[in-house]
Amino acid sequence: MTDSKRPGKRERLASAAAQVLHERGVEKTTLADIARAADVPVGNVYYYFKTKDQLIQAAIDEHDRELDTVIAELDRLGTPQERLKGLVRGWMSRPRSPPATAAPPAPSHPSWTSATTGWTRRSPG
């Protein structure tokens, strides 16, 4: 029996590609990495996408759809302040795993300092 709530393989591949490409970059990402993240056999990747470029384009399209959804939701809010708060709230609540090869998050960088009310930027020097 199939799970009717689970997206199709093509959709899972595009979504996984968007996430893995974001985390690892195009050059370091293999089709096997994307297949594993999508829980799809690697051979199926070639059924849906003939080249890595096609899969990258699908990932870009997936990201574009996500952004369109976010923008539409923010447009329903009344004031610029509400939209900004909604954007920050959505951004902060979105589950994201840190990129494997990325630098540490900005707050731990020496030129940043934590304030009790938020983050403030110190000038270098």
N, C-alpha and C. Protein backbone atom coordinates (compact mmCIF):
# COMPACT_ATOMS: atom_id res chain seq x y z
N MET A 1 0.84 -1.18 0.00
CA MET A 1 0.00 0.00 0.00
C MET A 1 0.89 1.24 0.00
N THR A 2 0.53 2.22 -0.79
CA THR A 2 1.33 3.44 -0.87
C THR A 2 0.78 4.50 0.07
N ASP A 3 1.65 5.37 0.48
CA ASP A 3 1.25 6.48 1.34
C ASP A 3 0.81 7.63 0.46
N SER A 4 -0.49 7.90 0.41
CA SER A 4 -1.02 8.92 -0.49
C SER A 4 -0.61 10.33 -0.09
N LYS A 5 -0.15 10.54 1.14
CA LYS A 5 0.28 11.86 1.57
C LYS A 5 1.73 12.14 1.21
N ARG A 6 2.48 11.11 0.87
CA ARG A 6 3.89 11.28 0.53
C ARG A 6 4.01 11.76 -0.91
N PRO A 7 4.81 12.83 -1.14
CA PRO A 7 4.96 13.33 -2.51
C PRO A 7 5.57 12.26 -3.42
N GLY A 8 5.35 12.42 -4.72
CA GLY A 8 5.91 11.50 -5.69
C GLY A 8 7.42 11.58 -5.74
N LYS A 9 8.02 10.60 -6.38
CA LYS A 9 9.48 10.53 -6.44
C LYS A 9 10.09 11.77 -7.10
N ARG A 10 9.49 12.22 -8.18
CA ARG A 10 10.04 13.39 -8.87
C ARG A 10 10.04 14.60 -7.95
N GLU A 11 8.95 14.82 -7.24
CA GLU A 11 8.84 15.95 -6.32
C GLU A 11 9.82 15.81 -5.16
N ARG A 12 9.96 14.59 -4.64
CA ARG A 12 10.92 14.37 -3.54
C ARG A 12 12.34 14.61 -4.02
N LEU A 13 12.65 14.18 -5.25
CA LEU A 13 13.99 14.41 -5.79
C LEU A 13 14.26 15.90 -5.94
N ALA A 14 13.30 16.65 -6.47
CA ALA A 14 13.50 18.09 -6.66
C ALA A 14 13.67 18.79 -5.31
N SER A 15 12.86 18.42 -4.34
CA SER A 15 12.96 19.03 -3.02
C SER A 15 14.28 18.67 -2.34
N ALA A 16 14.65 17.40 -2.41
CA ALA A 16 15.92 16.96 -1.82
C ALA A 16 17.10 17.64 -2.52
N ALA A 17 17.01 17.78 -3.84
CA ALA A 17 18.08 18.44 -4.59
C ALA A 17 18.25 19.88 -4.12
N ALA A 18 17.14 20.59 -3.93
CA ALA A 18 17.22 21.97 -3.46
C ALA A 18 17.95 22.04 -2.12
N GLN A 19 17.62 21.13 -1.22
CA GLN A 19 18.24 21.14 0.11
C GLN A 19 19.71 20.73 0.06
N VAL A 20 20.00 19.62 -0.62
CA VAL A 20 21.38 19.12 -0.65
C VAL A 20 22.30 20.07 -1.43
N LEU A 21 21.82 20.61 -2.53
CA LEU A 21 22.63 21.56 -3.29
C LEU A 21 22.91 22.81 -2.46
N HIS A 22 21.93 23.23 -1.68
CA HIS A 22 22.14 24.38 -0.80
C HIS A 22 23.20 24.07 0.26
N GLU A 23 23.15 22.88 0.82
CA GLU A 23 24.07 22.50 1.89
C GLU A 23 25.48 22.24 1.39
N ARG A 24 25.61 21.56 0.26
CA ARG A 24 26.92 21.08 -0.19
C ARG A 24 27.48 21.80 -1.40
N GLY A 25 26.62 22.47 -2.16
CA GLY A 25 27.06 23.11 -3.39
C GLY A 25 26.95 22.14 -4.56
N VAL A 26 26.90 22.68 -5.75
CA VAL A 26 26.71 21.88 -6.95
C VAL A 26 27.87 20.92 -7.18
N GLU A 27 29.07 21.43 -7.06
CA GLU A 27 30.25 20.62 -7.38
C GLU A 27 30.43 19.42 -6.45
N LYS A 28 30.08 19.57 -5.19
CA LYS A 28 30.30 18.50 -4.21
C LYS A 28 29.10 17.57 -4.06
N THR A 29 28.01 17.87 -4.74
CA THR A 29 26.80 17.05 -4.63
C THR A 29 26.76 16.03 -5.75
N THR A 30 26.51 14.79 -5.37
CA THR A 30 26.35 13.73 -6.38
C THR A 30 24.87 13.38 -6.49
N LEU A 31 24.53 12.73 -7.58
CA LEU A 31 23.15 12.27 -7.74
C LEU A 31 22.80 11.26 -6.65
N ALA A 32 23.79 10.49 -6.22
CA ALA A 32 23.55 9.52 -5.14
C ALA A 32 23.20 10.24 -3.83
N ASP A 33 23.84 11.39 -3.57
CA ASP A 33 23.52 12.18 -2.37
C ASP A 33 22.05 12.61 -2.39
N ILE A 34 21.62 13.08 -3.55
CA ILE A 34 20.25 13.56 -3.70
C ILE A 34 19.26 12.40 -3.59
N ALA A 35 19.58 11.29 -4.23
CA ALA A 35 18.70 10.11 -4.17
C ALA A 35 18.54 9.64 -2.73
N ARG A 36 19.65 9.62 -1.99
CA ARG A 36 19.60 9.19 -0.59
C ARG A 36 18.73 10.13 0.23
N ALA A 37 18.88 11.43 0.03
CA ALA A 37 18.08 12.42 0.77
C ALA A 37 16.60 12.32 0.42
N ALA A 38 16.31 11.92 -0.81
CA ALA A 38 14.91 11.81 -1.27
C ALA A 38 14.32 10.44 -0.97
N ASP A 39 15.15 9.53 -0.46
CA ASP A 39 14.73 8.15 -0.19
C ASP A 39 14.21 7.50 -1.47
N VAL A 40 15.02 7.64 -2.53
CA VAL A 40 14.69 7.11 -3.85
C VAL A 40 15.91 6.34 -4.35
N PRO A 41 15.74 5.18 -4.95
CA PRO A 41 16.89 4.46 -5.51
C PRO A 41 17.60 5.33 -6.55
N VAL A 42 18.93 5.30 -6.53
CA VAL A 42 19.70 6.18 -7.41
C VAL A 42 19.37 5.95 -8.89
N GLY A 43 19.02 4.74 -9.27
CA GLY A 43 18.65 4.47 -10.65
C GLY A 43 17.40 5.22 -11.08
N ASN A 44 16.53 5.51 -10.14
CA ASN A 44 15.30 6.25 -10.46
C ASN A 44 15.57 7.71 -10.80
N VAL A 45 16.70 8.24 -10.32
CA VAL A 45 17.03 9.63 -10.62
C VAL A 45 17.08 9.82 -12.14
N TYR A 46 17.70 8.87 -12.83
CA TYR A 46 17.85 8.98 -14.28
C TYR A 46 16.53 8.78 -15.01
N TYR A 47 15.57 8.16 -14.39
CA TYR A 47 14.26 8.02 -15.01
C TYR A 47 13.57 9.38 -15.09
N TYR A 48 13.71 10.17 -14.02
CA TYR A 48 13.04 11.46 -13.95
C TYR A 48 13.88 12.61 -14.51
N PHE A 49 15.20 12.50 -14.39
CA PHE A 49 16.11 13.57 -14.82
C PHE A 49 17.26 12.93 -15.60
N LYS A 50 17.40 13.30 -16.86
CA LYS A 50 18.42 12.69 -17.71
C LYS A 50 19.83 13.21 -17.40
N THR A 51 19.91 14.42 -16.87
CA THR A 51 21.21 15.01 -16.55
C THR A 51 21.15 15.69 -15.18
N LYS A 52 22.31 15.94 -14.64
CA LYS A 52 22.40 16.67 -13.38
C LYS A 52 21.86 18.09 -13.58
N ASP A 53 22.09 18.66 -14.75
CA ASP A 53 21.59 20.00 -15.03
C ASP A 53 20.06 20.06 -14.95
N GLN A 54 19.38 19.03 -15.44
CA GLN A 54 17.92 18.99 -15.35
C GLN A 54 17.47 18.93 -13.89
N LEU A 55 18.19 18.17 -13.09
CA LEU A 55 17.85 18.07 -11.67
C LEU A 55 18.12 19.40 -10.97
N ILE A 56 19.19 20.06 -11.32
CA ILE A 56 19.48 21.38 -10.74
C ILE A 56 18.38 22.37 -11.11
N GLN A 57 17.93 22.33 -12.36
CA GLN A 57 16.85 23.22 -12.77
C GLN A 57 15.57 22.92 -11.99
N ALA A 58 15.29 21.64 -11.76
CA ALA A 58 14.12 21.26 -10.96
C ALA A 58 14.25 21.78 -9.53
N ALA A 59 15.46 21.75 -8.98
CA ALA A 59 15.69 22.26 -7.63
C ALA A 59 15.46 23.77 -7.59
N ILE A 60 15.92 24.47 -8.61
CA ILE A 60 15.70 25.92 -8.69
C ILE A 60 14.21 26.21 -8.80
N ASP A 61 13.51 25.45 -9.63
CA ASP A 61 12.07 25.63 -9.78
C ASP A 61 11.34 25.37 -8.45
N GLU A 62 11.77 24.34 -7.71
CA GLU A 62 11.17 24.02 -6.40
C GLU A 62 11.38 25.18 -5.44
N HIS A 63 12.59 25.71 -5.41
CA HIS A 63 12.90 26.85 -4.54
C HIS A 63 12.05 28.06 -4.94
N ASP A 64 11.89 28.27 -6.23
CA ASP A 64 11.08 29.37 -6.73
C ASP A 64 9.63 29.23 -6.27
N ARG A 65 9.08 28.01 -6.33
CA ARG A 65 7.71 27.78 -5.86
C ARG A 65 7.59 28.07 -4.36
N GLU A 66 8.59 27.65 -3.59
CA GLU A 66 8.56 27.93 -2.15
C GLU A 66 8.57 29.43 -1.89
N LEU A 67 9.40 30.17 -2.62
CA LEU A 67 9.46 31.62 -2.44
C LEU A 67 8.14 32.28 -2.83
N ASP A 68 7.52 31.80 -3.91
CA ASP A 68 6.22 32.35 -4.33
C ASP A 68 5.18 32.15 -3.23
N THR A 69 5.21 31.00 -2.58
CA THR A 69 4.27 30.71 -1.49
C THR A 69 4.51 31.66 -0.32
N VAL A 70 5.77 31.85 0.04
CA VAL A 70 6.10 32.74 1.16
C VAL A 70 5.66 34.17 0.83
N ILE A 71 5.95 34.62 -0.37
CA ILE A 71 5.59 35.99 -0.76
C ILE A 71 4.08 36.17 -0.75
N ALA A 72 3.35 35.18 -1.24
CA ALA A 72 1.88 35.27 -1.24
C ALA A 72 1.35 35.36 0.19
N GLU A 73 1.92 34.58 1.10
CA GLU A 73 1.48 34.63 2.50
C GLU A 73 1.81 35.99 3.13
N LEU A 74 2.97 36.53 2.83
CA LEU A 74 3.35 37.83 3.39
C LEU A 74 2.49 38.95 2.81
N ASP A 75 2.13 38.83 1.54
CA ASP A 75 1.29 39.85 0.91
C ASP A 75 -0.09 39.95 1.56
N ARG A 76 -0.54 38.90 2.21
CA ARG A 76 -1.84 38.93 2.88
C ARG A 76 -1.80 39.71 4.20
N LEU A 77 -0.62 39.99 4.68
CA LEU A 77 -0.49 40.74 5.93
C LEU A 77 -0.65 42.23 5.63
N GLY A 78 -1.20 42.96 6.60
CA GLY A 78 -1.62 44.33 6.35
C GLY A 78 -0.54 45.38 6.20
N THR A 79 0.41 45.40 7.11
CA THR A 79 1.38 46.50 7.11
C THR A 79 2.78 45.97 6.82
N PRO A 80 3.68 46.87 6.42
CA PRO A 80 5.08 46.44 6.23
C PRO A 80 5.68 45.83 7.49
N GLN A 81 5.31 46.36 8.65
CA GLN A 81 5.82 45.82 9.91
C GLN A 81 5.35 44.38 10.12
N GLU A 82 4.06 44.12 9.84
CA GLU A 82 3.53 42.76 9.99
C GLU A 82 4.22 41.81 9.00
N ARG A 83 4.47 42.31 7.79
CA ARG A 83 5.14 41.46 6.79
C ARG A 83 6.56 41.14 7.22
N LEU A 84 7.26 42.13 7.74
CA LEU A 84 8.62 41.90 8.21
C LEU A 84 8.65 40.91 9.38
N LYS A 85 7.74 41.10 10.32
CA LYS A 85 7.64 40.17 11.45
C LYS A 85 7.30 38.76 10.97
N GLY A 86 6.38 38.66 10.02
CA GLY A 86 6.02 37.36 9.46
C GLY A 86 7.18 36.70 8.75
N LEU A 87 7.96 37.49 8.02
CA LEU A 87 9.13 36.95 7.33
C LEU A 87 10.16 36.42 8.33
N VAL A 88 10.45 37.20 9.34
CA VAL A 88 11.43 36.77 10.35
C VAL A 88 10.92 35.56 11.10
N ARG A 89 9.65 35.57 11.50
CA ARG A 89 9.06 34.43 12.21
C ARG A 89 9.16 33.16 11.37
N GLY A 90 8.80 33.26 10.10
CA GLY A 90 8.88 32.10 9.22
C GLY A 90 10.31 31.64 9.00
N TRP A 91 11.21 32.58 8.88
CA TRP A 91 12.61 32.25 8.65
C TRP A 91 13.20 31.55 9.88
N MET A 92 12.87 32.05 11.06
CA MET A 92 13.42 31.48 12.29
C MET A 92 12.82 30.11 12.62
N SER A 93 11.59 29.87 12.22
CA SER A 93 10.94 28.60 12.55
C SER A 93 11.21 27.51 11.52
N ARG A 94 11.80 27.87 10.41
CA ARG A 94 12.05 26.90 9.33
C ARG A 94 13.19 25.97 9.73
N PRO A 95 12.93 24.67 9.71
CA PRO A 95 14.00 23.74 10.07
C PRO A 95 15.06 23.68 8.97
N ARG A 96 16.27 23.92 9.33
CA ARG A 96 17.39 23.88 8.39
C ARG A 96 18.57 23.22 9.08
N SER A 97 19.22 22.35 8.36
CA SER A 97 20.46 21.81 8.90
C SER A 97 21.59 22.67 8.37
N PRO A 98 22.60 22.93 9.19
CA PRO A 98 23.69 23.79 8.73
C PRO A 98 24.50 23.08 7.65
N PRO A 99 25.01 23.82 6.68
CA PRO A 99 25.84 23.20 5.65
C PRO A 99 27.04 22.52 6.27
N ALA A 100 27.39 21.36 5.73
CA ALA A 100 28.48 20.56 6.29
C ALA A 100 29.82 21.27 6.22
N THR A 101 30.04 22.09 5.21
CA THR A 101 31.34 22.72 5.03
C THR A 101 31.31 24.22 5.27
N ALA A 102 30.24 24.71 5.84
CA ALA A 102 30.09 26.15 6.02
C ALA A 102 30.90 26.64 7.21
N ALA A 103 31.15 27.92 7.19
CA ALA A 103 31.80 28.56 8.33
C ALA A 103 30.84 28.55 9.51
N PRO A 104 31.31 28.76 10.71
CA PRO A 104 30.40 28.80 11.86
C PRO A 104 29.35 29.88 11.68
N PRO A 105 28.21 29.75 12.34
CA PRO A 105 27.18 30.77 12.22
C PRO A 105 27.73 32.14 12.60
N ALA A 106 27.21 33.16 11.99
CA ALA A 106 27.72 34.52 12.19
C ALA A 106 27.84 34.93 13.65
N PRO A 107 26.88 34.60 14.54
CA PRO A 107 27.00 35.08 15.92
C PRO A 107 28.27 34.63 16.63
N SER A 108 28.90 33.53 16.22
CA SER A 108 30.12 33.09 16.91
C SER A 108 31.36 33.72 16.28
N HIS A 109 31.20 34.44 15.17
CA HIS A 109 32.32 35.11 14.54
C HIS A 109 32.74 36.28 15.41
N PRO A 110 34.06 36.54 15.52
CA PRO A 110 34.52 37.59 16.44
C PRO A 110 33.95 38.98 16.17
N SER A 111 33.53 39.26 14.93
CA SER A 111 33.03 40.61 14.67
C SER A 111 31.55 40.76 15.01
N TRP A 112 30.96 39.73 15.57
CA TRP A 112 29.55 39.80 15.98
C TRP A 112 29.47 39.68 17.49
N THR A 113 28.47 40.29 18.05
CA THR A 113 28.26 40.16 19.49
C THR A 113 26.78 39.97 19.76
N SER A 114 26.47 39.19 20.76
CA SER A 114 25.08 38.93 21.11
C SER A 114 24.61 39.96 22.12
N ALA A 115 23.47 40.51 21.88
CA ALA A 115 22.83 41.39 22.84
C ALA A 115 21.58 40.68 23.34
N THR A 116 21.11 41.06 24.48
CA THR A 116 19.96 40.36 25.03
C THR A 116 18.71 40.56 24.19
N THR A 117 18.65 41.63 23.40
CA THR A 117 17.48 41.87 22.59
C THR A 117 17.64 41.42 21.15
N GLY A 118 18.79 40.94 20.77
CA GLY A 118 19.00 40.51 19.38
C GLY A 118 20.48 40.54 19.04
N TRP A 119 20.75 40.59 17.77
CA TRP A 119 22.14 40.60 17.30
C TRP A 119 22.50 42.00 16.84
N THR A 120 23.71 42.43 17.22
CA THR A 120 24.20 43.72 16.74
C THR A 120 25.56 43.52 16.10
N ARG A 121 25.88 44.32 15.12
CA ARG A 121 27.14 44.21 14.39
C ARG A 121 28.12 45.24 14.95
N ARG A 122 29.31 44.77 15.31
CA ARG A 122 30.37 45.67 15.74
C ARG A 122 31.23 45.99 14.53
N SER A 123 31.77 47.17 14.47
CA SER A 123 32.67 47.49 13.38
C SER A 123 34.00 46.78 13.62
N PRO A 124 34.64 46.30 12.51
CA PRO A 124 35.90 45.59 12.66
C PRO A 124 36.97 46.51 13.22
N GLY A 125 37.90 45.88 13.91
CA GLY A 125 39.01 46.71 14.30
C GLY A 125 39.38 46.58 15.68
